[in-house]
N, C-alpha and C. Protein backbone atom coordinates (compact mmCIF):
# COMPACT_ATOMS: atom_id res chain seq x y z
N MET A 1 22.26 24.89 -15.04
CA MET A 1 21.67 24.68 -13.71
C MET A 1 21.21 26.02 -13.15
N TRP A 2 20.03 25.99 -12.49
CA TRP A 2 19.48 27.21 -11.93
C TRP A 2 20.35 27.70 -10.78
N ASP A 3 20.64 28.98 -10.78
CA ASP A 3 21.49 29.59 -9.76
C ASP A 3 20.62 30.35 -8.76
N PRO A 4 20.45 29.87 -7.52
CA PRO A 4 19.59 30.55 -6.56
C PRO A 4 20.08 31.94 -6.18
N SER A 5 21.33 32.25 -6.48
CA SER A 5 21.83 33.59 -6.16
C SER A 5 21.13 34.65 -6.99
N TYR A 6 20.43 34.20 -8.06
CA TYR A 6 19.67 35.15 -8.88
C TYR A 6 18.64 35.90 -8.03
N LEU A 7 18.17 35.24 -6.96
CA LEU A 7 17.19 35.87 -6.08
C LEU A 7 17.74 37.14 -5.46
N GLU A 8 19.05 37.22 -5.32
CA GLU A 8 19.65 38.37 -4.65
C GLU A 8 20.14 39.42 -5.63
N GLN A 9 20.03 39.16 -6.92
CA GLN A 9 20.54 40.09 -7.91
C GLN A 9 19.61 41.29 -8.05
N PRO A 10 20.13 42.48 -8.34
CA PRO A 10 19.28 43.66 -8.50
C PRO A 10 18.37 43.52 -9.71
N ASP A 11 17.22 44.19 -9.64
CA ASP A 11 16.28 44.15 -10.76
C ASP A 11 16.93 44.74 -12.00
N SER A 12 16.61 44.15 -13.14
CA SER A 12 17.13 44.64 -14.41
C SER A 12 16.00 44.58 -15.42
N GLY A 13 16.25 45.12 -16.63
CA GLY A 13 15.23 45.08 -17.66
C GLY A 13 13.99 45.86 -17.24
N TRP A 14 12.81 45.29 -17.53
CA TRP A 14 11.57 46.00 -17.25
C TRP A 14 11.39 46.30 -15.76
N ARG A 15 11.97 45.47 -14.89
CA ARG A 15 11.79 45.68 -13.45
C ARG A 15 12.61 46.85 -12.91
N SER A 16 13.49 47.42 -13.72
CA SER A 16 14.28 48.56 -13.27
C SER A 16 13.56 49.89 -13.47
N ASP A 17 12.36 49.86 -14.06
CA ASP A 17 11.57 51.08 -14.23
C ASP A 17 11.18 51.62 -12.86
N THR A 18 11.56 52.85 -12.57
CA THR A 18 11.33 53.43 -11.24
C THR A 18 9.86 53.72 -10.97
N ARG A 19 9.01 53.64 -11.99
CA ARG A 19 7.58 53.89 -11.78
C ARG A 19 6.86 52.65 -11.27
N LEU A 20 7.52 51.50 -11.29
CA LEU A 20 6.88 50.26 -10.84
C LEU A 20 6.73 50.25 -9.33
N ARG A 21 5.60 49.75 -8.89
CA ARG A 21 5.32 49.61 -7.46
C ARG A 21 5.02 48.14 -7.17
N PRO A 22 5.73 47.52 -6.23
CA PRO A 22 5.49 46.11 -5.92
C PRO A 22 4.21 45.92 -5.12
N VAL A 23 3.55 44.81 -5.35
CA VAL A 23 2.35 44.45 -4.60
C VAL A 23 2.48 42.98 -4.21
N GLU A 24 2.40 42.70 -2.93
CA GLU A 24 2.46 41.32 -2.45
C GLU A 24 1.09 40.67 -2.64
N VAL A 25 1.06 39.52 -3.30
CA VAL A 25 -0.21 38.88 -3.65
C VAL A 25 -0.16 37.38 -3.41
N VAL A 26 -1.34 36.80 -3.32
CA VAL A 26 -1.53 35.35 -3.38
C VAL A 26 -2.37 35.08 -4.62
N VAL A 27 -1.88 34.22 -5.49
CA VAL A 27 -2.56 33.91 -6.75
C VAL A 27 -3.02 32.47 -6.72
N CYS A 28 -4.31 32.26 -6.78
CA CYS A 28 -4.87 30.91 -6.78
C CYS A 28 -5.22 30.54 -8.22
N THR A 29 -4.69 29.43 -8.72
CA THR A 29 -4.91 29.00 -10.09
C THR A 29 -5.55 27.62 -10.13
N THR A 30 -5.81 27.15 -11.33
CA THR A 30 -6.41 25.83 -11.50
C THR A 30 -5.43 24.71 -11.17
N THR A 31 -4.13 25.03 -11.06
CA THR A 31 -3.13 23.98 -10.83
C THR A 31 -2.25 24.22 -9.61
N GLY A 32 -2.54 25.24 -8.82
CA GLY A 32 -1.72 25.49 -7.64
C GLY A 32 -1.90 26.89 -7.10
N THR A 33 -1.17 27.20 -6.04
CA THR A 33 -1.25 28.51 -5.39
C THR A 33 0.13 29.14 -5.37
N PHE A 34 0.20 30.42 -5.72
CA PHE A 34 1.45 31.17 -5.79
C PHE A 34 1.39 32.34 -4.81
N ALA A 35 2.47 32.55 -4.07
CA ALA A 35 2.60 33.74 -3.22
C ALA A 35 3.87 34.46 -3.64
N GLY A 36 3.75 35.74 -3.94
CA GLY A 36 4.93 36.47 -4.39
C GLY A 36 4.61 37.93 -4.61
N ARG A 37 5.43 38.55 -5.42
CA ARG A 37 5.35 39.98 -5.66
C ARG A 37 5.04 40.24 -7.13
N THR A 38 3.96 40.97 -7.39
CA THR A 38 3.68 41.43 -8.73
C THR A 38 3.87 42.94 -8.77
N TYR A 39 3.51 43.58 -9.88
CA TYR A 39 3.82 45.00 -10.03
C TYR A 39 2.69 45.75 -10.70
N ARG A 40 2.63 47.03 -10.38
CA ARG A 40 1.75 47.97 -11.06
C ARG A 40 2.54 49.25 -11.26
N LEU A 41 2.11 50.10 -12.18
CA LEU A 41 2.74 51.40 -12.34
C LEU A 41 2.19 52.36 -11.29
N ASP A 42 2.89 53.46 -11.05
CA ASP A 42 2.51 54.34 -9.95
C ASP A 42 1.18 55.05 -10.17
N ARG A 43 0.64 55.03 -11.37
CA ARG A 43 -0.68 55.61 -11.63
C ARG A 43 -1.72 54.52 -11.91
N GLN A 44 -1.41 53.31 -11.52
CA GLN A 44 -2.32 52.19 -11.71
C GLN A 44 -2.75 51.60 -10.38
N ARG A 45 -3.92 50.94 -10.43
CA ARG A 45 -4.31 50.05 -9.35
C ARG A 45 -3.88 48.63 -9.73
N LEU A 46 -3.85 47.74 -8.77
CA LEU A 46 -3.59 46.34 -9.07
C LEU A 46 -4.61 45.82 -10.07
N LEU A 47 -5.87 46.19 -9.91
CA LEU A 47 -6.92 45.74 -10.82
C LEU A 47 -6.64 46.18 -12.25
N ASP A 48 -6.14 47.40 -12.43
CA ASP A 48 -5.82 47.90 -13.77
C ASP A 48 -4.69 47.08 -14.39
N ALA A 49 -3.67 46.77 -13.60
CA ALA A 49 -2.55 45.98 -14.12
C ALA A 49 -3.01 44.59 -14.54
N LEU A 50 -3.95 44.01 -13.79
CA LEU A 50 -4.45 42.69 -14.14
C LEU A 50 -5.28 42.74 -15.42
N ASN A 51 -6.09 43.76 -15.57
CA ASN A 51 -6.97 43.84 -16.74
C ASN A 51 -6.29 44.37 -17.99
N GLN A 52 -5.34 45.28 -17.82
CA GLN A 52 -4.75 45.96 -18.96
C GLN A 52 -3.29 45.62 -19.21
N GLY A 53 -2.63 44.99 -18.24
CA GLY A 53 -1.19 44.84 -18.33
C GLY A 53 -0.52 46.14 -17.93
N LEU A 54 0.78 46.25 -18.17
CA LEU A 54 1.50 47.47 -17.86
C LEU A 54 2.59 47.68 -18.90
N ALA A 55 3.16 48.88 -18.91
CA ALA A 55 4.14 49.21 -19.94
C ALA A 55 5.37 49.86 -19.33
N PRO A 56 6.17 49.12 -18.56
CA PRO A 56 7.41 49.69 -18.03
C PRO A 56 8.38 49.97 -19.16
N LYS A 57 9.02 51.13 -19.09
CA LYS A 57 9.97 51.55 -20.13
C LYS A 57 9.33 51.55 -21.51
N GLY A 58 8.01 51.74 -21.56
CA GLY A 58 7.31 51.84 -22.83
C GLY A 58 7.06 50.53 -23.54
N SER A 59 7.40 49.41 -22.91
CA SER A 59 7.20 48.10 -23.53
C SER A 59 6.02 47.39 -22.87
N PRO A 60 4.91 47.20 -23.60
CA PRO A 60 3.74 46.54 -23.01
C PRO A 60 4.04 45.11 -22.59
N ILE A 61 3.70 44.77 -21.36
CA ILE A 61 3.86 43.40 -20.86
C ILE A 61 2.66 43.08 -19.98
N GLY A 62 2.52 41.81 -19.64
CA GLY A 62 1.54 41.41 -18.65
C GLY A 62 0.11 41.39 -19.11
N ARG A 63 -0.12 41.41 -20.42
CA ARG A 63 -1.50 41.36 -20.89
C ARG A 63 -2.09 39.97 -20.68
N ASP A 64 -1.34 38.93 -21.02
CA ASP A 64 -1.84 37.56 -20.92
C ASP A 64 -1.17 36.76 -19.81
N PHE A 65 -0.03 37.24 -19.32
CA PHE A 65 0.69 36.55 -18.25
C PHE A 65 0.97 37.53 -17.12
N MET A 66 0.73 37.08 -15.90
CA MET A 66 0.96 37.90 -14.71
C MET A 66 2.36 37.66 -14.19
N PRO A 67 3.22 38.68 -14.15
CA PRO A 67 4.59 38.48 -13.65
C PRO A 67 4.62 38.40 -12.12
N LEU A 68 5.41 37.46 -11.61
CA LEU A 68 5.61 37.32 -10.17
C LEU A 68 7.10 37.13 -9.91
N THR A 69 7.60 37.73 -8.85
CA THR A 69 8.97 37.51 -8.42
C THR A 69 8.97 37.09 -6.95
N GLN A 70 10.10 36.51 -6.50
CA GLN A 70 10.24 36.03 -5.12
C GLN A 70 9.04 35.15 -4.76
N VAL A 71 8.92 34.06 -5.50
CA VAL A 71 7.69 33.27 -5.50
C VAL A 71 7.82 31.98 -4.68
N GLU A 72 6.76 31.66 -3.95
CA GLU A 72 6.59 30.35 -3.35
C GLU A 72 5.37 29.71 -4.01
N VAL A 73 5.51 28.42 -4.36
CA VAL A 73 4.46 27.72 -5.10
C VAL A 73 4.02 26.49 -4.32
N TRP A 74 2.71 26.34 -4.14
CA TRP A 74 2.14 25.15 -3.53
C TRP A 74 1.39 24.36 -4.60
N SER A 75 1.76 23.11 -4.79
CA SER A 75 1.10 22.24 -5.76
C SER A 75 -0.09 21.54 -5.10
N PRO A 76 -1.02 21.01 -5.90
CA PRO A 76 -2.18 20.32 -5.33
C PRO A 76 -1.82 19.15 -4.42
N ASP A 77 -0.65 18.52 -4.64
CA ASP A 77 -0.25 17.39 -3.79
C ASP A 77 0.35 17.84 -2.46
N GLY A 78 0.41 19.16 -2.23
CA GLY A 78 0.92 19.69 -0.98
C GLY A 78 2.39 20.05 -1.00
N SER A 79 3.11 19.71 -2.07
CA SER A 79 4.53 20.05 -2.15
C SER A 79 4.70 21.56 -2.37
N LYS A 80 5.86 22.06 -1.96
CA LYS A 80 6.14 23.48 -2.02
C LYS A 80 7.50 23.72 -2.67
N ALA A 81 7.59 24.76 -3.50
CA ALA A 81 8.84 25.10 -4.17
C ALA A 81 9.02 26.61 -4.17
N SER A 82 10.26 27.05 -4.40
CA SER A 82 10.57 28.48 -4.50
C SER A 82 11.12 28.79 -5.88
N LEU A 83 10.73 29.94 -6.42
CA LEU A 83 11.18 30.38 -7.73
C LEU A 83 11.62 31.84 -7.65
N ALA A 84 12.63 32.19 -8.43
CA ALA A 84 13.03 33.59 -8.50
C ALA A 84 11.96 34.41 -9.18
N SER A 85 11.37 33.86 -10.23
CA SER A 85 10.29 34.55 -10.93
C SER A 85 9.48 33.54 -11.73
N THR A 86 8.27 33.92 -12.05
CA THR A 86 7.42 33.09 -12.90
C THR A 86 6.40 33.99 -13.57
N PHE A 87 5.77 33.48 -14.60
CA PHE A 87 4.74 34.23 -15.32
C PHE A 87 3.51 33.34 -15.39
N VAL A 88 2.45 33.74 -14.71
CA VAL A 88 1.26 32.92 -14.58
C VAL A 88 0.26 33.28 -15.67
N GLY A 89 -0.15 32.28 -16.47
CA GLY A 89 -1.14 32.52 -17.50
C GLY A 89 -2.45 32.98 -16.89
N LYS A 90 -2.96 34.12 -17.35
CA LYS A 90 -4.14 34.70 -16.72
C LYS A 90 -5.39 33.85 -16.91
N THR A 91 -5.44 33.06 -17.98
CA THR A 91 -6.62 32.22 -18.17
C THR A 91 -6.73 31.16 -17.09
N SER A 92 -5.60 30.80 -16.46
CA SER A 92 -5.62 29.76 -15.42
C SER A 92 -5.88 30.32 -14.03
N ILE A 93 -5.88 31.64 -13.89
CA ILE A 93 -6.05 32.26 -12.57
C ILE A 93 -7.51 32.20 -12.13
N LEU A 94 -7.74 31.74 -10.91
CA LEU A 94 -9.08 31.79 -10.31
C LEU A 94 -9.31 33.17 -9.68
N PHE A 95 -8.37 33.57 -8.83
CA PHE A 95 -8.47 34.89 -8.20
C PHE A 95 -7.10 35.30 -7.66
N VAL A 96 -6.96 36.60 -7.41
CA VAL A 96 -5.74 37.18 -6.86
C VAL A 96 -6.10 37.94 -5.60
N GLY A 97 -5.47 37.58 -4.48
CA GLY A 97 -5.70 38.28 -3.23
C GLY A 97 -4.53 39.20 -2.92
N GLU A 98 -4.83 40.43 -2.54
CA GLU A 98 -3.80 41.43 -2.25
C GLU A 98 -3.39 41.37 -0.78
N LYS A 99 -2.09 41.20 -0.54
CA LYS A 99 -1.58 41.10 0.82
C LYS A 99 -1.29 42.47 1.43
N ASN A 100 -0.93 43.46 0.60
CA ASN A 100 -0.58 44.79 1.09
C ASN A 100 -1.83 45.62 1.30
N LYS A 101 -2.03 46.09 2.49
CA LYS A 101 -3.22 46.88 2.80
C LYS A 101 -3.30 48.11 1.92
N GLY A 102 -4.46 48.28 1.26
CA GLY A 102 -4.72 49.52 0.54
C GLY A 102 -4.14 49.61 -0.84
N GLN A 103 -3.47 48.58 -1.36
CA GLN A 103 -2.86 48.70 -2.68
C GLN A 103 -3.78 48.27 -3.81
N GLY A 104 -4.96 47.76 -3.49
CA GLY A 104 -5.92 47.48 -4.54
C GLY A 104 -6.47 48.77 -5.11
N SER A 105 -6.49 49.82 -4.29
CA SER A 105 -6.95 51.12 -4.73
C SER A 105 -5.76 51.97 -5.14
N LEU A 106 -6.05 52.95 -5.97
CA LEU A 106 -4.98 53.84 -6.40
C LEU A 106 -4.51 54.70 -5.24
N PRO A 107 -3.21 54.84 -5.03
CA PRO A 107 -2.72 55.67 -3.94
C PRO A 107 -3.04 57.13 -4.18
N THR A 108 -3.12 57.91 -3.12
CA THR A 108 -3.45 59.32 -3.26
C THR A 108 -2.25 60.17 -3.62
N ASP A 109 -1.04 59.65 -3.45
CA ASP A 109 0.15 60.47 -3.72
C ASP A 109 0.57 60.35 -5.17
N GLY A 110 0.13 61.31 -5.98
CA GLY A 110 0.58 61.35 -7.36
C GLY A 110 -0.29 60.59 -8.33
N GLY A 111 -1.34 59.92 -7.87
CA GLY A 111 -2.19 59.17 -8.78
C GLY A 111 -3.18 60.07 -9.47
N ASP A 112 -3.48 59.77 -10.72
CA ASP A 112 -4.46 60.52 -11.49
C ASP A 112 -5.83 59.92 -11.25
N GLN A 113 -6.67 60.59 -10.47
CA GLN A 113 -7.97 60.06 -10.13
C GLN A 113 -9.09 60.77 -10.88
N GLN A 114 -8.78 61.36 -12.02
CA GLN A 114 -9.79 62.04 -12.80
C GLN A 114 -10.49 61.05 -13.71
N GLY A 115 -11.74 61.40 -14.09
CA GLY A 115 -12.45 60.57 -15.06
C GLY A 115 -13.43 59.62 -14.41
N PRO A 116 -14.25 58.94 -15.22
CA PRO A 116 -15.33 58.10 -14.71
C PRO A 116 -14.86 56.91 -13.90
N ARG A 117 -13.60 56.46 -14.08
CA ARG A 117 -13.12 55.30 -13.35
C ARG A 117 -13.18 55.52 -11.85
N TRP A 118 -13.11 56.78 -11.42
CA TRP A 118 -13.00 57.06 -9.99
C TRP A 118 -14.32 57.51 -9.38
N ARG A 119 -15.44 57.36 -10.12
CA ARG A 119 -16.74 57.69 -9.54
C ARG A 119 -17.07 56.75 -8.40
N GLU A 120 -17.77 57.29 -7.42
CA GLU A 120 -18.17 56.47 -6.29
C GLU A 120 -19.11 55.37 -6.74
N LYS A 121 -18.93 54.16 -6.21
CA LYS A 121 -19.76 53.03 -6.58
C LYS A 121 -20.47 52.48 -5.36
N LYS A 122 -21.52 51.70 -5.60
CA LYS A 122 -22.28 51.13 -4.49
C LYS A 122 -21.87 49.68 -4.29
N PRO A 123 -21.71 49.25 -3.03
CA PRO A 123 -21.33 47.86 -2.76
C PRO A 123 -22.55 46.94 -2.83
N ALA A 124 -22.32 45.73 -3.31
CA ALA A 124 -23.37 44.71 -3.35
C ALA A 124 -22.81 43.44 -2.73
N GLY A 125 -23.41 43.00 -1.63
CA GLY A 125 -22.96 41.78 -0.98
C GLY A 125 -23.13 40.58 -1.90
N THR A 126 -22.06 39.81 -2.09
CA THR A 126 -22.11 38.68 -3.02
C THR A 126 -21.39 37.47 -2.45
N GLU A 127 -21.77 36.32 -2.97
CA GLU A 127 -21.11 35.05 -2.67
C GLU A 127 -20.71 34.45 -4.01
N VAL A 128 -19.42 34.44 -4.28
CA VAL A 128 -18.91 34.02 -5.58
C VAL A 128 -18.35 32.60 -5.48
N HIS A 129 -18.82 31.72 -6.35
CA HIS A 129 -18.37 30.33 -6.36
C HIS A 129 -17.41 30.15 -7.53
N VAL A 130 -16.16 29.84 -7.20
CA VAL A 130 -15.09 29.67 -8.19
C VAL A 130 -14.40 28.35 -7.92
N SER A 131 -14.51 27.40 -8.84
CA SER A 131 -13.92 26.08 -8.66
C SER A 131 -14.36 25.53 -7.30
N SER A 132 -13.41 25.15 -6.44
CA SER A 132 -13.77 24.58 -5.14
C SER A 132 -13.79 25.63 -4.03
N TYR A 133 -13.76 26.92 -4.39
CA TYR A 133 -13.73 27.99 -3.40
C TYR A 133 -15.03 28.79 -3.39
N ILE A 134 -15.37 29.31 -2.22
CA ILE A 134 -16.46 30.26 -2.06
C ILE A 134 -15.86 31.55 -1.52
N ILE A 135 -16.13 32.65 -2.20
CA ILE A 135 -15.59 33.95 -1.81
C ILE A 135 -16.75 34.87 -1.49
N VAL A 136 -16.82 35.33 -0.26
CA VAL A 136 -17.90 36.22 0.18
C VAL A 136 -17.32 37.61 0.39
N GLY A 137 -17.98 38.62 -0.18
CA GLY A 137 -17.49 39.99 -0.04
C GLY A 137 -18.41 40.96 -0.75
N ASN A 138 -17.89 42.15 -1.02
CA ASN A 138 -18.67 43.20 -1.68
C ASN A 138 -18.16 43.42 -3.09
N MET A 139 -19.05 43.28 -4.08
CA MET A 139 -18.74 43.66 -5.44
C MET A 139 -19.32 45.06 -5.64
N HIS A 140 -18.60 45.91 -6.36
CA HIS A 140 -19.01 47.31 -6.47
C HIS A 140 -19.52 47.62 -7.86
N THR A 141 -20.70 48.24 -7.91
CA THR A 141 -21.35 48.56 -9.18
C THR A 141 -21.54 50.07 -9.29
N GLU A 142 -21.70 50.55 -10.52
CA GLU A 142 -22.06 51.95 -10.71
C GLU A 142 -23.41 52.19 -10.05
N THR A 143 -23.66 53.42 -9.60
CA THR A 143 -24.88 53.71 -8.84
C THR A 143 -26.14 53.42 -9.64
N TRP A 144 -26.06 53.46 -10.97
CA TRP A 144 -27.25 53.23 -11.80
C TRP A 144 -27.31 51.79 -12.34
N GLN A 145 -26.35 50.96 -11.97
CA GLN A 145 -26.27 49.61 -12.52
C GLN A 145 -26.79 48.55 -11.56
N GLU A 146 -27.24 47.44 -12.14
CA GLU A 146 -27.51 46.23 -11.38
C GLU A 146 -26.25 45.37 -11.39
N LEU A 147 -26.19 44.41 -10.47
CA LEU A 147 -25.01 43.55 -10.37
C LEU A 147 -24.75 42.80 -11.67
N LEU A 148 -25.80 42.34 -12.34
CA LEU A 148 -25.63 41.58 -13.58
C LEU A 148 -24.91 42.40 -14.64
N GLU A 149 -25.16 43.70 -14.68
CA GLU A 149 -24.49 44.55 -15.67
C GLU A 149 -22.99 44.61 -15.40
N THR A 150 -22.61 44.62 -14.14
CA THR A 150 -21.19 44.60 -13.79
C THR A 150 -20.57 43.27 -14.18
N LEU A 151 -21.28 42.18 -13.93
CA LEU A 151 -20.77 40.85 -14.30
C LEU A 151 -20.60 40.73 -15.80
N ASP A 152 -21.45 41.40 -16.56
CA ASP A 152 -21.40 41.32 -18.02
C ASP A 152 -20.44 42.34 -18.64
N SER A 153 -19.64 43.02 -17.83
CA SER A 153 -18.70 44.01 -18.37
C SER A 153 -17.62 43.32 -19.18
N ASN A 154 -16.81 44.13 -19.86
CA ASN A 154 -15.75 43.58 -20.71
C ASN A 154 -14.46 43.27 -19.96
N GLU A 155 -14.42 43.58 -18.67
CA GLU A 155 -13.20 43.35 -17.90
C GLU A 155 -13.01 41.87 -17.58
N ARG A 156 -11.76 41.41 -17.63
CA ARG A 156 -11.45 40.00 -17.31
C ARG A 156 -11.54 39.74 -15.82
N PHE A 157 -11.03 40.69 -15.00
CA PHE A 157 -11.03 40.52 -13.55
C PHE A 157 -12.01 41.50 -12.91
N LEU A 158 -12.79 40.98 -11.96
CA LEU A 158 -13.75 41.80 -11.23
C LEU A 158 -13.30 41.95 -9.78
N PRO A 159 -13.47 43.16 -9.20
CA PRO A 159 -12.99 43.40 -7.83
C PRO A 159 -14.01 42.98 -6.78
N LEU A 160 -13.50 42.46 -5.68
CA LEU A 160 -14.30 42.13 -4.51
C LEU A 160 -13.55 42.66 -3.30
N THR A 161 -14.23 43.38 -2.41
CA THR A 161 -13.58 43.92 -1.22
C THR A 161 -14.08 43.22 0.03
N ASN A 162 -13.28 43.32 1.09
CA ASN A 162 -13.61 42.68 2.38
C ASN A 162 -13.97 41.21 2.15
N ALA A 163 -13.07 40.51 1.47
CA ALA A 163 -13.36 39.14 1.02
C ALA A 163 -12.96 38.10 2.06
N ARG A 164 -13.82 37.10 2.20
CA ARG A 164 -13.54 35.93 3.03
C ARG A 164 -13.61 34.70 2.13
N ILE A 165 -12.57 33.88 2.19
CA ILE A 165 -12.44 32.74 1.28
C ILE A 165 -12.49 31.44 2.07
N SER A 166 -13.27 30.49 1.57
CA SER A 166 -13.28 29.15 2.17
C SER A 166 -13.26 28.12 1.04
N PRO A 167 -12.50 27.02 1.23
CA PRO A 167 -11.65 26.76 2.39
C PRO A 167 -10.41 27.66 2.40
N GLU A 168 -9.69 27.62 3.50
CA GLU A 168 -8.45 28.39 3.64
C GLU A 168 -7.46 28.01 2.55
N LEU A 169 -6.70 29.00 2.06
CA LEU A 169 -5.72 28.74 1.01
C LEU A 169 -4.50 28.01 1.56
N ALA A 170 -3.69 27.47 0.66
CA ALA A 170 -2.48 26.74 1.06
C ALA A 170 -1.52 27.63 1.84
N THR A 171 -1.59 28.93 1.61
CA THR A 171 -0.73 29.89 2.31
C THR A 171 -1.19 30.14 3.75
N GLY A 172 -2.39 29.68 4.09
CA GLY A 172 -2.96 29.95 5.40
C GLY A 172 -3.86 31.17 5.41
N ASP A 173 -3.97 31.86 4.27
CA ASP A 173 -4.81 33.06 4.18
C ASP A 173 -6.26 32.68 3.93
N SER A 174 -7.17 33.46 4.50
CA SER A 174 -8.60 33.27 4.23
C SER A 174 -9.35 34.60 4.13
N GLU A 175 -8.68 35.72 4.44
CA GLU A 175 -9.31 37.02 4.37
C GLU A 175 -8.40 38.02 3.66
N PHE A 176 -8.99 38.81 2.76
CA PHE A 176 -8.26 39.84 2.04
C PHE A 176 -9.14 41.09 1.96
N GLU A 177 -8.52 42.26 2.05
CA GLU A 177 -9.28 43.50 1.84
C GLU A 177 -9.68 43.63 0.38
N PHE A 178 -8.86 43.06 -0.52
CA PHE A 178 -9.14 43.18 -1.95
C PHE A 178 -8.82 41.87 -2.65
N VAL A 179 -9.75 41.41 -3.47
CA VAL A 179 -9.55 40.23 -4.31
C VAL A 179 -10.01 40.56 -5.72
N ALA A 180 -9.24 40.15 -6.71
CA ALA A 180 -9.64 40.27 -8.12
C ALA A 180 -9.98 38.86 -8.62
N ILE A 181 -11.21 38.68 -9.10
CA ILE A 181 -11.69 37.37 -9.51
C ILE A 181 -11.75 37.29 -11.03
N ASN A 182 -11.21 36.20 -11.57
CA ASN A 182 -11.27 35.97 -13.01
C ASN A 182 -12.70 35.60 -13.39
N LYS A 183 -13.35 36.48 -14.13
CA LYS A 183 -14.76 36.29 -14.46
C LYS A 183 -15.02 34.99 -15.20
N ALA A 184 -14.07 34.57 -16.04
CA ALA A 184 -14.25 33.35 -16.83
C ALA A 184 -14.24 32.09 -15.96
N GLN A 185 -13.74 32.20 -14.73
CA GLN A 185 -13.67 31.04 -13.83
C GLN A 185 -14.84 30.98 -12.85
N ILE A 186 -15.72 31.98 -12.89
CA ILE A 186 -16.86 32.01 -11.96
C ILE A 186 -17.92 31.00 -12.38
N HIS A 187 -18.35 30.16 -11.43
CA HIS A 187 -19.45 29.23 -11.68
C HIS A 187 -20.79 29.93 -11.49
N TYR A 188 -20.95 30.60 -10.35
CA TYR A 188 -22.15 31.42 -10.16
C TYR A 188 -21.92 32.41 -9.04
N VAL A 189 -22.75 33.45 -9.04
CA VAL A 189 -22.68 34.52 -8.04
C VAL A 189 -24.03 34.60 -7.34
N GLY A 190 -24.03 34.47 -6.02
CA GLY A 190 -25.26 34.56 -5.25
C GLY A 190 -25.32 35.86 -4.47
N GLN A 191 -26.54 36.31 -4.19
CA GLN A 191 -26.76 37.48 -3.35
C GLN A 191 -27.65 37.09 -2.18
N PRO A 192 -27.42 37.71 -1.01
CA PRO A 192 -28.25 37.37 0.16
C PRO A 192 -29.69 37.80 -0.06
N PRO A 193 -30.65 37.13 0.59
CA PRO A 193 -32.05 37.52 0.45
C PRO A 193 -32.29 38.92 1.00
N VAL A 194 -33.26 39.61 0.41
CA VAL A 194 -33.61 40.95 0.87
C VAL A 194 -34.37 40.86 2.18
N ASP A 195 -33.98 41.69 3.13
CA ASP A 195 -34.66 41.74 4.42
C ASP A 195 -36.05 42.35 4.22
N PRO A 196 -37.14 41.58 4.44
CA PRO A 196 -38.49 42.11 4.18
C PRO A 196 -38.83 43.32 5.03
N LEU A 197 -38.30 43.39 6.26
CA LEU A 197 -38.57 44.55 7.12
C LEU A 197 -37.94 45.80 6.55
N ARG A 198 -36.69 45.64 6.06
CA ARG A 198 -36.00 46.79 5.47
C ARG A 198 -36.67 47.21 4.18
N SER A 199 -37.13 46.22 3.37
CA SER A 199 -37.77 46.53 2.10
C SER A 199 -39.04 47.34 2.31
N SER A 200 -39.79 47.02 3.38
CA SER A 200 -41.05 47.71 3.63
C SER A 200 -40.84 49.16 4.03
N GLU A 201 -39.61 49.48 4.48
CA GLU A 201 -39.32 50.84 4.89
C GLU A 201 -38.90 51.72 3.73
N LEU A 202 -38.57 51.09 2.58
CA LEU A 202 -38.07 51.86 1.45
C LEU A 202 -39.21 52.50 0.66
């Protein structure tokens, strides 16, 4: 029988790695909505952990399954349950919304921001259609790239900032500073029409 006191037990195993940083997230999947805590290493962004997994104590984990602890689950029928932990198959994830302000980006304290990953990018206003959801926000591309090139990248999850989601999620959330969208679940991506007055000034 499941012992709910497990929720109060100290972290052990991979979760005892002191380099892990918790991130509060809402995970929307094809079969329900999860709210809980996932993890990244102190030199990772949430997006990196989603795309690459992580290696606490030198053991690679999280490549195909996203770990969550202290979880609340909403099923399509409206029922709600609590779990000490769960592992969500990444192929079933529609998108992940970050609840903690600023944790989608790498922190400035001790993070390695060298290399091309940290080059400044240009925002592109987009409307992303995923299953029954519409997510409006900014997708960021390299300064020399078009949006389609970013969509065709090898990454599984694509970042969207200043995101607004409709309809509202089961958790009551509808706005996130950072959302990671599973590219394989995208139906289509729209862009707003170009302002002809602005175009004539360029």
